[in-house]
């Protein structure tokens, strides 16, 4: 007979609370050492979840070291236990958790690095989509461009950071630790996408991430460009569109009634 739903709920709650006793009625008569067995099982679950986080955020883990990451990950798991049986979905809240985790304050770029890795992982596992090409845009009359609505491909992500995320990420792709990372390098806006089999990381002009976000909300090209210029007066629409096309970041276009 399957366990009752309330027993499963109490089991799950106790499992995510280090030191908590196993729920009452859990085979107590047949296994008097159930508390010890339950602790072993809980430790194995935490170890597996910590390993999953380290696999999803490898550069973040390397930046802080194994001991720090393990302690931080345990705190994260307690605060954000898995909400889905799909392990790939676990850990999405880590960037925001790091932003409010006091021991990580000495590395102010750490939350953005985690956001970068989350975007990379999301792009890697996103659904495929046939990307638009320059020819698709060339067929649109110039006076209609402002009314153009673009659907971003499922793998397309854009982010902005004052920190040199791409430099940090690239420096940690080898087996050995980099000798030097220039944190003083300027940051900027990045496009992370996967038009085919490999994830691409491309620079966007200032305001480019806001431009992509506006497109993702369904804004027409003209209004999305306005939003980007409000975010950064240096925004270059031509450069932004070129990056989106190069990265295969758009999957469908249509014309709205108004720009």
C-alpha atoms as a PDB file:
ATOM      1  CA  UNK A   1       0.000   0.000   0.000  1.00  0.00           C
ATOM      2  CA  UNK A   2       1.307   3.462  -0.879  1.00  0.00           C
ATOM      3  CA  UNK A   3       2.009   5.895   1.967  1.00  0.00           C
ATOM      4  CA  UNK A   4      -0.768   8.365   2.747  1.00  0.00           C
ATOM      5  CA  UNK A   5      -0.387  11.830   1.171  1.00  0.00           C
ATOM      6  CA  UNK A   6      -0.006  13.476   4.586  1.00  0.00           C
ATOM      7  CA  UNK A   7       2.816  11.074   5.436  1.00  0.00           C
ATOM      8  CA  UNK A   8       4.577  11.950   2.184  1.00  0.00           C
ATOM      9  CA  UNK A   9       4.193  15.656   2.933  1.00  0.00           C
ATOM     10  CA  UNK A  10       5.621  15.254   6.441  1.00  0.00           C
ATOM     11  CA  UNK A  11       8.436  13.088   5.060  1.00  0.00           C
ATOM     12  CA  UNK A  12       9.360  15.755   2.490  1.00  0.00           C
ATOM     13  CA  UNK A  13       9.313  18.543   5.091  1.00  0.00           C
ATOM     14  CA  UNK A  14      11.504  16.590   7.543  1.00  0.00           C
ATOM     15  CA  UNK A  15      13.861  15.600   4.734  1.00  0.00           C
ATOM     16  CA  UNK A  16      14.729  19.243   3.996  1.00  0.00           C
ATOM     17  CA  UNK A  17      15.308  20.172   7.655  1.00  0.00           C
ATOM     18  CA  UNK A  18      18.698  18.996   8.951  1.00  0.00           C
ATOM     19  CA  UNK A  19      18.351  17.597  12.461  1.00  0.00           C
ATOM     20  CA  UNK A  20      14.592  17.079  12.215  1.00  0.00           C
ATOM     21  CA  UNK A  21      13.302  13.682  13.330  1.00  0.00           C
ATOM     22  CA  UNK A  22      11.644  11.412  10.788  1.00  0.00           C
ATOM     23  CA  UNK A  23       7.850  11.774  10.713  1.00  0.00           C
ATOM     24  CA  UNK A  24       5.986   9.751  13.305  1.00  0.00           C
ATOM     25  CA  UNK A  25       4.728   6.410  12.077  1.00  0.00           C
ATOM     26  CA  UNK A  26       7.549   5.834   9.610  1.00  0.00           C
ATOM     27  CA  UNK A  27       8.093   2.113  10.137  1.00  0.00           C
ATOM     28  CA  UNK A  28       9.045   2.747  13.764  1.00  0.00           C
ATOM     29  CA  UNK A  29       8.148  -0.751  14.898  1.00  0.00           C
ATOM     30  CA  UNK A  30      10.167  -2.523  12.207  1.00  0.00           C
ATOM     31  CA  UNK A  31      13.176  -0.224  12.300  1.00  0.00           C
ATOM     32  CA  UNK A  32      13.992   1.203  15.729  1.00  0.00           C
ATOM     33  CA  UNK A  33      17.098   2.876  14.252  1.00  0.00           C
ATOM     34  CA  UNK A  34      14.936   4.755  11.721  1.00  0.00           C
ATOM     35  CA  UNK A  35      16.257   8.152  12.879  1.00  0.00           C
ATOM     36  CA  UNK A  36      19.813   7.160  12.005  1.00  0.00           C
ATOM     37  CA  UNK A  37      18.713   5.689   8.684  1.00  0.00           C
ATOM     38  CA  UNK A  38      16.676   8.796   7.927  1.00  0.00           C
ATOM     39  CA  UNK A  39      19.686  11.037   8.621  1.00  0.00           C
ATOM     40  CA  UNK A  40      21.821   8.977   6.234  1.00  0.00           C
ATOM     41  CA  UNK A  41      19.171   9.272   3.554  1.00  0.00           C
ATOM     42  CA  UNK A  42      18.813  13.022   4.167  1.00  0.00           C
ATOM     43  CA  UNK A  43      22.569  13.531   3.922  1.00  0.00           C
ATOM     44  CA  UNK A  44      22.590  11.633   0.621  1.00  0.00           C
ATOM     45  CA  UNK A  45      19.760  13.790  -0.710  1.00  0.00           C
ATOM     46  CA  UNK A  46      21.565  16.988   0.285  1.00  0.00           C
ATOM     47  CA  UNK A  47      24.804  15.713  -1.252  1.00  0.00           C
ATOM     48  CA  UNK A  48      23.008  14.985  -4.519  1.00  0.00           C
ATOM     49  CA  UNK A  49      21.352  18.394  -4.602  1.00  0.00           C
ATOM     50  CA  UNK A  50      24.642  20.157  -3.816  1.00  0.00           C
ATOM     51  CA  UNK A  51      26.289  18.244  -6.663  1.00  0.00           C
ATOM     52  CA  UNK A  52      23.438  19.251  -8.976  1.00  0.00           C
ATOM     53  CA  UNK A  53      23.918  22.912  -8.044  1.00  0.00           C
ATOM     54  CA  UNK A  54      27.663  22.702  -8.620  1.00  0.00           C
ATOM     55  CA  UNK A  55      27.027  21.150 -12.037  1.00  0.00           C
ATOM     56  CA  UNK A  56      24.604  23.919 -12.968  1.00  0.00           C
ATOM     57  CA  UNK A  57      26.817  26.711 -11.602  1.00  0.00           C
ATOM     58  CA  UNK A  58      30.397  25.441 -12.095  1.00  0.00           C
ATOM     59  CA  UNK A  59      32.101  28.844 -12.334  1.00  0.00           C
ATOM     60  CA  UNK A  60      30.166  30.188  -9.363  1.00  0.00           C
ATOM     61  CA  UNK A  61      31.330  27.150  -7.408  1.00  0.00           C
ATOM     62  CA  UNK A  62      34.957  27.608  -8.462  1.00  0.00           C
ATOM     63  CA  UNK A  63      34.920  31.293  -7.544  1.00  0.00           C
ATOM     64  CA  UNK A  64      34.070  30.563  -3.903  1.00  0.00           C
ATOM     65  CA  UNK A  65      35.736  27.178  -3.448  1.00  0.00           C
ATOM     66  CA  UNK A  66      34.303  23.809  -2.522  1.00  0.00           C
ATOM     67  CA  UNK A  67      33.933  24.392   1.233  1.00  0.00           C
ATOM     68  CA  UNK A  68      32.140  27.722   0.908  1.00  0.00           C
ATOM     69  CA  UNK A  69      29.927  26.438  -1.907  1.00  0.00           C
ATOM     70  CA  UNK A  70      28.901  23.363   0.090  1.00  0.00           C
ATOM     71  CA  UNK A  71      27.917  25.433   3.138  1.00  0.00           C
ATOM     72  CA  UNK A  72      26.124  28.007   0.987  1.00  0.00           C
ATOM     73  CA  UNK A  73      24.351  25.314  -1.024  1.00  0.00           C
ATOM     74  CA  UNK A  74      22.992  23.651   2.133  1.00  0.00           C
ATOM     75  CA  UNK A  75      21.542  26.981   3.249  1.00  0.00           C
ATOM     76  CA  UNK A  76      20.055  27.468  -0.196  1.00  0.00           C
ATOM     77  CA  UNK A  77      18.473  23.998  -0.238  1.00  0.00           C
ATOM     78  CA  UNK A  78      16.848  24.594   3.142  1.00  0.00           C
ATOM     79  CA  UNK A  79      15.441  27.920   1.927  1.00  0.00           C
ATOM     80  CA  UNK A  80      14.533  26.690  -1.561  1.00  0.00           C
ATOM     81  CA  UNK A  81      13.875  22.931  -1.576  1.00  0.00           C
ATOM     82  CA  UNK A  82      13.150  21.334  -4.951  1.00  0.00           C
ATOM     83  CA  UNK A  83       9.649  22.143  -6.160  1.00  0.00           C
ATOM     84  CA  UNK A  84       9.714  19.722  -9.068  1.00  0.00           C
ATOM     85  CA  UNK A  85      10.921  16.168  -9.667  1.00  0.00           C
ATOM     86  CA  UNK A  86      12.798  17.521 -12.694  1.00  0.00           C
ATOM     87  CA  UNK A  87      16.275  18.156 -11.307  1.00  0.00           C
ATOM     88  CA  UNK A  88      17.071  20.469 -14.221  1.00  0.00           C
ATOM     89  CA  UNK A  89      14.616  22.989 -12.790  1.00  0.00           C
ATOM     90  CA  UNK A  90      16.278  23.024  -9.375  1.00  0.00           C
ATOM     91  CA  UNK A  91      18.423  26.003  -8.412  1.00  0.00           C
ATOM     92  CA  UNK A  92      16.767  28.776 -10.433  1.00  0.00           C
ATOM     93  CA  UNK A  93      16.572  30.976  -7.325  1.00  0.00           C
ATOM     94  CA  UNK A  94      20.305  30.757  -6.582  1.00  0.00           C
ATOM     95  CA  UNK A  95      21.277  34.142  -8.136  1.00  0.00           C
ATOM     96  CA  UNK A  96      18.768  36.029  -5.994  1.00  0.00           C
ATOM     97  CA  UNK A  97      19.711  33.964  -2.952  1.00  0.00           C
ATOM     98  CA  UNK A  98      23.369  34.935  -3.405  1.00  0.00           C
ATOM     99  CA  UNK A  99      22.423  38.609  -3.661  1.00  0.00           C
ATOM    100  CA  UNK A 100      21.054  38.450  -0.103  1.00  0.00           C
ATOM    101  CA  UNK A 101      23.550  35.945   1.352  1.00  0.00           C
ATOM    102  CA  UNK A 102      25.817  38.008   3.662  1.00  0.00           C
ATOM    103  CA  UNK A 103      28.919  35.756   3.439  1.00  0.00           C
ATOM    104  CA  UNK A 104      28.962  36.316  -0.354  1.00  0.00           C
ATOM    105  CA  UNK A 105      29.072  40.098  -0.037  1.00  0.00           C
ATOM    106  CA  UNK A 106      32.850  40.124  -0.513  1.00  0.00           C
ATOM    107  CA  UNK A 107      32.293  38.965  -4.113  1.00  0.00           C
ATOM    108  CA  UNK A 108      29.735  41.481  -5.412  1.00  0.00           C
ATOM    109  CA  UNK A 109      29.859  40.017  -8.914  1.00  0.00           C
ATOM    110  CA  UNK A 110      28.837  36.536  -7.714  1.00  0.00           C
ATOM    111  CA  UNK A 111      25.027  36.955  -8.125  1.00  0.00           C
ATOM    112  CA  UNK A 112      25.484  38.216 -11.693  1.00  0.00           C
ATOM    113  CA  UNK A 113      27.848  35.334 -12.450  1.00  0.00           C
ATOM    114  CA  UNK A 114      25.151  32.937 -11.272  1.00  0.00           C
ATOM    115  CA  UNK A 115      22.608  34.742 -13.476  1.00  0.00           C
ATOM    116  CA  UNK A 116      24.976  34.342 -16.409  1.00  0.00           C
ATOM    117  CA  UNK A 117      25.335  30.610 -15.783  1.00  0.00           C
ATOM    118  CA  UNK A 118      21.583  30.188 -15.333  1.00  0.00           C
ATOM    119  CA  UNK A 119      21.050  31.927 -18.689  1.00  0.00           C
ATOM    120  CA  UNK A 120      23.683  29.712 -20.337  1.00  0.00           C
ATOM    121  CA  UNK A 121      22.073  26.561 -18.956  1.00  0.00           C
ATOM    122  CA  UNK A 122      18.612  27.729 -19.987  1.00  0.00           C
ATOM    123  CA  UNK A 123      19.809  28.450 -23.519  1.00  0.00           C
ATOM    124  CA  UNK A 124      21.519  25.061 -23.716  1.00  0.00           C
ATOM    125  CA  UNK A 125      18.359  23.143 -22.794  1.00  0.00           C
ATOM    126  CA  UNK A 126      15.815  25.364 -24.578  1.00  0.00           C
ATOM    127  CA  UNK A 127      13.631  24.114 -27.406  1.00  0.00           C
ATOM    128  CA  UNK A 128      14.954  24.425 -30.936  1.00  0.00           C
ATOM    129  CA  UNK A 129      13.567  27.074 -33.282  1.00  0.00           C
ATOM    130  CA  UNK A 130      14.381  28.040 -36.854  1.00  0.00           C
ATOM    131  CA  UNK A 131      16.112  31.441 -36.622  1.00  0.00           C
ATOM    132  CA  UNK A 132      15.307  34.430 -38.787  1.00  0.00           C
ATOM    133  CA  UNK A 133      18.022  35.586 -41.178  1.00  0.00           C
ATOM    134  CA  UNK A 134      19.036  38.944 -42.596  1.00  0.00           C
ATOM    135  CA  UNK A 135      16.985  38.119 -45.709  1.00  0.00           C
ATOM    136  CA  UNK A 136      13.815  37.975 -43.604  1.00  0.00           C
ATOM    137  CA  UNK A 137      14.422  41.517 -42.412  1.00  0.00           C
ATOM    138  CA  UNK A 138      15.447  42.791 -45.845  1.00  0.00           C
ATOM    139  CA  UNK A 139      11.969  41.946 -47.100  1.00  0.00           C
ATOM    140  CA  UNK A 140      10.429  44.518 -44.708  1.00  0.00           C
ATOM    141  CA  UNK A 141       9.983  48.045 -46.083  1.00  0.00           C
ATOM    142  CA  UNK A 142      12.089  50.544 -44.074  1.00  0.00           C
ATOM    143  CA  UNK A 143       9.038  52.638 -43.144  1.00  0.00           C
ATOM    144  CA  UNK A 144       7.424  49.563 -41.579  1.00  0.00           C
ATOM    145  CA  UNK A 145      10.391  48.546 -39.422  1.00  0.00           C
ATOM    146  CA  UNK A 146       9.190  50.441 -36.346  1.00  0.00           C
ATOM    147  CA  UNK A 147       5.973  48.392 -36.409  1.00  0.00           C
ATOM    148  CA  UNK A 148       7.835  45.103 -36.626  1.00  0.00           C
ATOM    149  CA  UNK A 149       7.220  42.647 -33.805  1.00  0.00           C
ATOM    150  CA  UNK A 150       9.873  40.018 -33.184  1.00  0.00           C
ATOM    151  CA  UNK A 151       9.461  36.772 -31.274  1.00  0.00           C
ATOM    152  CA  UNK A 152      12.637  35.807 -29.476  1.00  0.00           C
ATOM    153  CA  UNK A 153      13.777  32.219 -29.900  1.00  0.00           C
ATOM    154  CA  UNK A 154      13.257  29.976 -26.838  1.00  0.00           C
ATOM    155  CA  UNK A 155      17.031  29.865 -26.276  1.00  0.00           C
ATOM    156  CA  UNK A 156      17.559  33.644 -26.419  1.00  0.00           C
ATOM    157  CA  UNK A 157      18.494  35.376 -23.190  1.00  0.00           C
ATOM    158  CA  UNK A 158      19.988  38.805 -22.565  1.00  0.00           C
ATOM    159  CA  UNK A 159      21.486  40.267 -19.422  1.00  0.00           C
ATOM    160  CA  UNK A 160      23.341  43.348 -18.320  1.00  0.00           C
ATOM    161  CA  UNK A 161      25.984  43.643 -15.626  1.00  0.00           C
ATOM    162  CA  UNK A 162      28.605  46.158 -14.523  1.00  0.00           C
ATOM    163  CA  UNK A 163      30.988  43.220 -14.085  1.00  0.00           C
ATOM    164  CA  UNK A 164      33.031  41.524 -16.840  1.00  0.00           C
ATOM    165  CA  UNK A 165      31.020  38.300 -16.708  1.00  0.00           C
ATOM    166  CA  UNK A 166      32.211  36.907 -20.018  1.00  0.00           C
ATOM    167  CA  UNK A 167      35.851  37.501 -19.046  1.00  0.00           C
ATOM    168  CA  UNK A 168      35.331  35.775 -15.684  1.00  0.00           C
ATOM    169  CA  UNK A 169      33.466  32.866 -17.277  1.00  0.00           C
ATOM    170  CA  UNK A 170      36.076  32.359 -20.004  1.00  0.00           C
ATOM    171  CA  UNK A 171      38.901  32.466 -17.459  1.00  0.00           C
ATOM    172  CA  UNK A 172      37.375  29.507 -15.616  1.00  0.00           C
ATOM    173  CA  UNK A 173      36.840  27.156 -18.558  1.00  0.00           C
ATOM    174  CA  UNK A 174      40.199  25.415 -18.141  1.00  0.00           C
ATOM    175  CA  UNK A 175      41.186  22.702 -15.678  1.00  0.00           C
ATOM    176  CA  UNK A 176      43.429  24.999 -13.636  1.00  0.00           C
ATOM    177  CA  UNK A 177      42.579  28.167 -11.782  1.00  0.00           C
ATOM    178  CA  UNK A 178      43.387  31.379 -13.714  1.00  0.00           C
ATOM    179  CA  UNK A 179      46.381  33.295 -12.458  1.00  0.00           C
ATOM    180  CA  UNK A 180      44.640  36.657 -12.701  1.00  0.00           C
ATOM    181  CA  UNK A 181      41.128  37.973 -13.356  1.00  0.00           C
ATOM    182  CA  UNK A 182      40.759  41.659 -14.128  1.00  0.00           C
ATOM    183  CA  UNK A 183      37.573  42.530 -12.256  1.00  0.00           C
ATOM    184  CA  UNK A 184      38.082  46.164 -13.208  1.00  0.00           C
ATOM    185  CA  UNK A 185      37.256  45.409 -16.838  1.00  0.00           C
ATOM    186  CA  UNK A 186      34.016  47.055 -17.916  1.00  0.00           C
ATOM    187  CA  UNK A 187      30.891  44.963 -18.002  1.00  0.00           C
ATOM    188  CA  UNK A 188      28.037  45.414 -20.414  1.00  0.00           C
ATOM    189  CA  UNK A 189      25.095  43.739 -22.096  1.00  0.00           C
ATOM    190  CA  UNK A 190      25.300  40.186 -23.408  1.00  0.00           C
ATOM    191  CA  UNK A 191      23.190  37.945 -25.622  1.00  0.00           C
ATOM    192  CA  UNK A 192      23.191  34.243 -24.775  1.00  0.00           C
ATOM    193  CA  UNK A 193      21.536  32.045 -27.370  1.00  0.00           C
ATOM    194  CA  UNK A 194      21.745  28.720 -29.184  1.00  0.00           C
ATOM    195  CA  UNK A 195      20.766  28.897 -32.861  1.00  0.00           C
ATOM    196  CA  UNK A 196      22.071  25.385 -33.562  1.00  0.00           C
ATOM    197  CA  UNK A 197      24.041  22.986 -31.351  1.00  0.00           C
ATOM    198  CA  UNK A 198      26.352  25.322 -29.433  1.00  0.00           C
ATOM    199  CA  UNK A 199      25.561  28.147 -27.053  1.00  0.00           C
ATOM    200  CA  UNK A 200      26.731  31.526 -28.369  1.00  0.00           C
ATOM    201  CA  UNK A 201      27.632  34.515 -26.201  1.00  0.00           C
ATOM    202  CA  UNK A 202      27.628  37.808 -28.075  1.00  0.00           C
ATOM    203  CA  UNK A 203      28.064  41.406 -26.923  1.00  0.00           C
ATOM    204  CA  UNK A 204      25.082  43.719 -27.185  1.00  0.00           C
ATOM    205  CA  UNK A 205      25.305  47.509 -27.373  1.00  0.00           C
ATOM    206  CA  UNK A 206      24.501  49.467 -24.198  1.00  0.00           C
ATOM    207  CA  UNK A 207      20.784  49.161 -23.596  1.00  0.00           C
ATOM    208  CA  UNK A 208      20.671  45.944 -25.619  1.00  0.00           C
ATOM    209  CA  UNK A 209      19.388  43.837 -22.741  1.00  0.00           C
ATOM    210  CA  UNK A 210      16.508  46.272 -22.197  1.00  0.00           C
ATOM    211  CA  UNK A 211      15.811  46.141 -25.935  1.00  0.00           C
ATOM    212  CA  UNK A 212      15.614  42.336 -25.873  1.00  0.00           C
ATOM    213  CA  UNK A 213      13.451  42.407 -22.756  1.00  0.00           C
ATOM    214  CA  UNK A 214      11.003  44.806 -24.452  1.00  0.00           C
ATOM    215  CA  UNK A 215      10.835  42.551 -27.503  1.00  0.00           C
ATOM    216  CA  UNK A 216      10.183  39.613 -25.191  1.00  0.00           C
ATOM    217  CA  UNK A 217       7.229  41.510 -23.698  1.00  0.00           C
ATOM    218  CA  UNK A 218       5.748  41.837 -27.191  1.00  0.00           C
ATOM    219  CA  UNK A 219       6.707  45.454 -27.846  1.00  0.00           C
ATOM    220  CA  UNK A 220       7.093  46.515 -31.475  1.00  0.00           C
ATOM    221  CA  UNK A 221      10.582  47.354 -32.674  1.00  0.00           C
ATOM    222  CA  UNK A 222      10.102  51.115 -32.393  1.00  0.00           C
ATOM    223  CA  UNK A 223       8.861  51.010 -28.819  1.00  0.00           C
ATOM    224  CA  UNK A 224      11.507  48.479 -27.821  1.00  0.00           C
ATOM    225  CA  UNK A 225      14.192  50.813 -29.192  1.00  0.00           C
ATOM    226  CA  UNK A 226      12.688  53.699 -27.197  1.00  0.00           C
ATOM    227  CA  UNK A 227      12.824  51.634 -24.034  1.00  0.00           C
ATOM    228  CA  UNK A 228      16.466  50.794 -24.713  1.00  0.00           C
ATOM    229  CA  UNK A 229      17.372  54.444 -25.309  1.00  0.00           C
ATOM    230  CA  UNK A 230      15.642  55.410 -22.062  1.00  0.00           C
ATOM    231  CA  UNK A 231      17.834  52.841 -20.318  1.00  0.00           C
ATOM    232  CA  UNK A 232      20.988  54.007 -22.082  1.00  0.00           C
ATOM    233  CA  UNK A 233      21.250  56.916 -24.524  1.00  0.00           C
ATOM    234  CA  UNK A 234      24.112  55.117 -26.287  1.00  0.00           C
ATOM    235  CA  UNK A 235      21.797  52.404 -27.604  1.00  0.00           C
ATOM    236  CA  UNK A 236      22.493  51.475 -31.222  1.00  0.00           C
ATOM    237  CA  UNK A 237      19.511  49.809 -32.904  1.00  0.00           C
ATOM    238  CA  UNK A 238      21.506  48.643 -35.926  1.00  0.00           C
ATOM    239  CA  UNK A 239      24.125  46.966 -33.732  1.00  0.00           C
ATOM    240  CA  UNK A 240      21.462  45.373 -31.553  1.00  0.00           C
ATOM    241  CA  UNK A 241      19.568  43.927 -34.508  1.00  0.00           C
ATOM    242  CA  UNK A 242      22.815  42.700 -36.049  1.00  0.00           C
ATOM    243  CA  UNK A 243      23.652  40.828 -32.835  1.00  0.00           C
ATOM    244  CA  UNK A 244      20.185  39.276 -32.642  1.00  0.00           C
ATOM    245  CA  UNK A 245      20.385  38.140 -36.269  1.00  0.00           C
ATOM    246  CA  UNK A 246      23.927  36.841 -35.888  1.00  0.00           C
ATOM    247  CA  UNK A 247      22.928  34.904 -32.803  1.00  0.00           C
ATOM    248  CA  UNK A 248      19.800  33.484 -34.379  1.00  0.00           C
ATOM    249  CA  UNK A 249      17.877  34.986 -31.492  1.00  0.00           C
ATOM    250  CA  UNK A 250      14.649  35.756 -33.364  1.00  0.00           C
ATOM    251  CA  UNK A 251      12.304  33.032 -34.545  1.00  0.00           C
ATOM    252  CA  UNK A 252       9.289  34.874 -35.985  1.00  0.00           C
ATOM    253  CA  UNK A 253       8.302  38.347 -37.147  1.00  0.00           C
ATOM    254  CA  UNK A 254       5.023  40.085 -37.792  1.00  0.00           C
ATOM    255  CA  UNK A 255       3.786  43.628 -38.432  1.00  0.00           C
ATOM    256  CA  UNK A 256       1.616  45.427 -35.923  1.00  0.00           C
ATOM    257  CA  UNK A 257      -0.996  47.990 -36.807  1.00  0.00           C
ATOM    258  CA  UNK A 258       0.965  50.697 -34.988  1.00  0.00           C
ATOM    259  CA  UNK A 259       4.681  51.062 -34.237  1.00  0.00           C
END
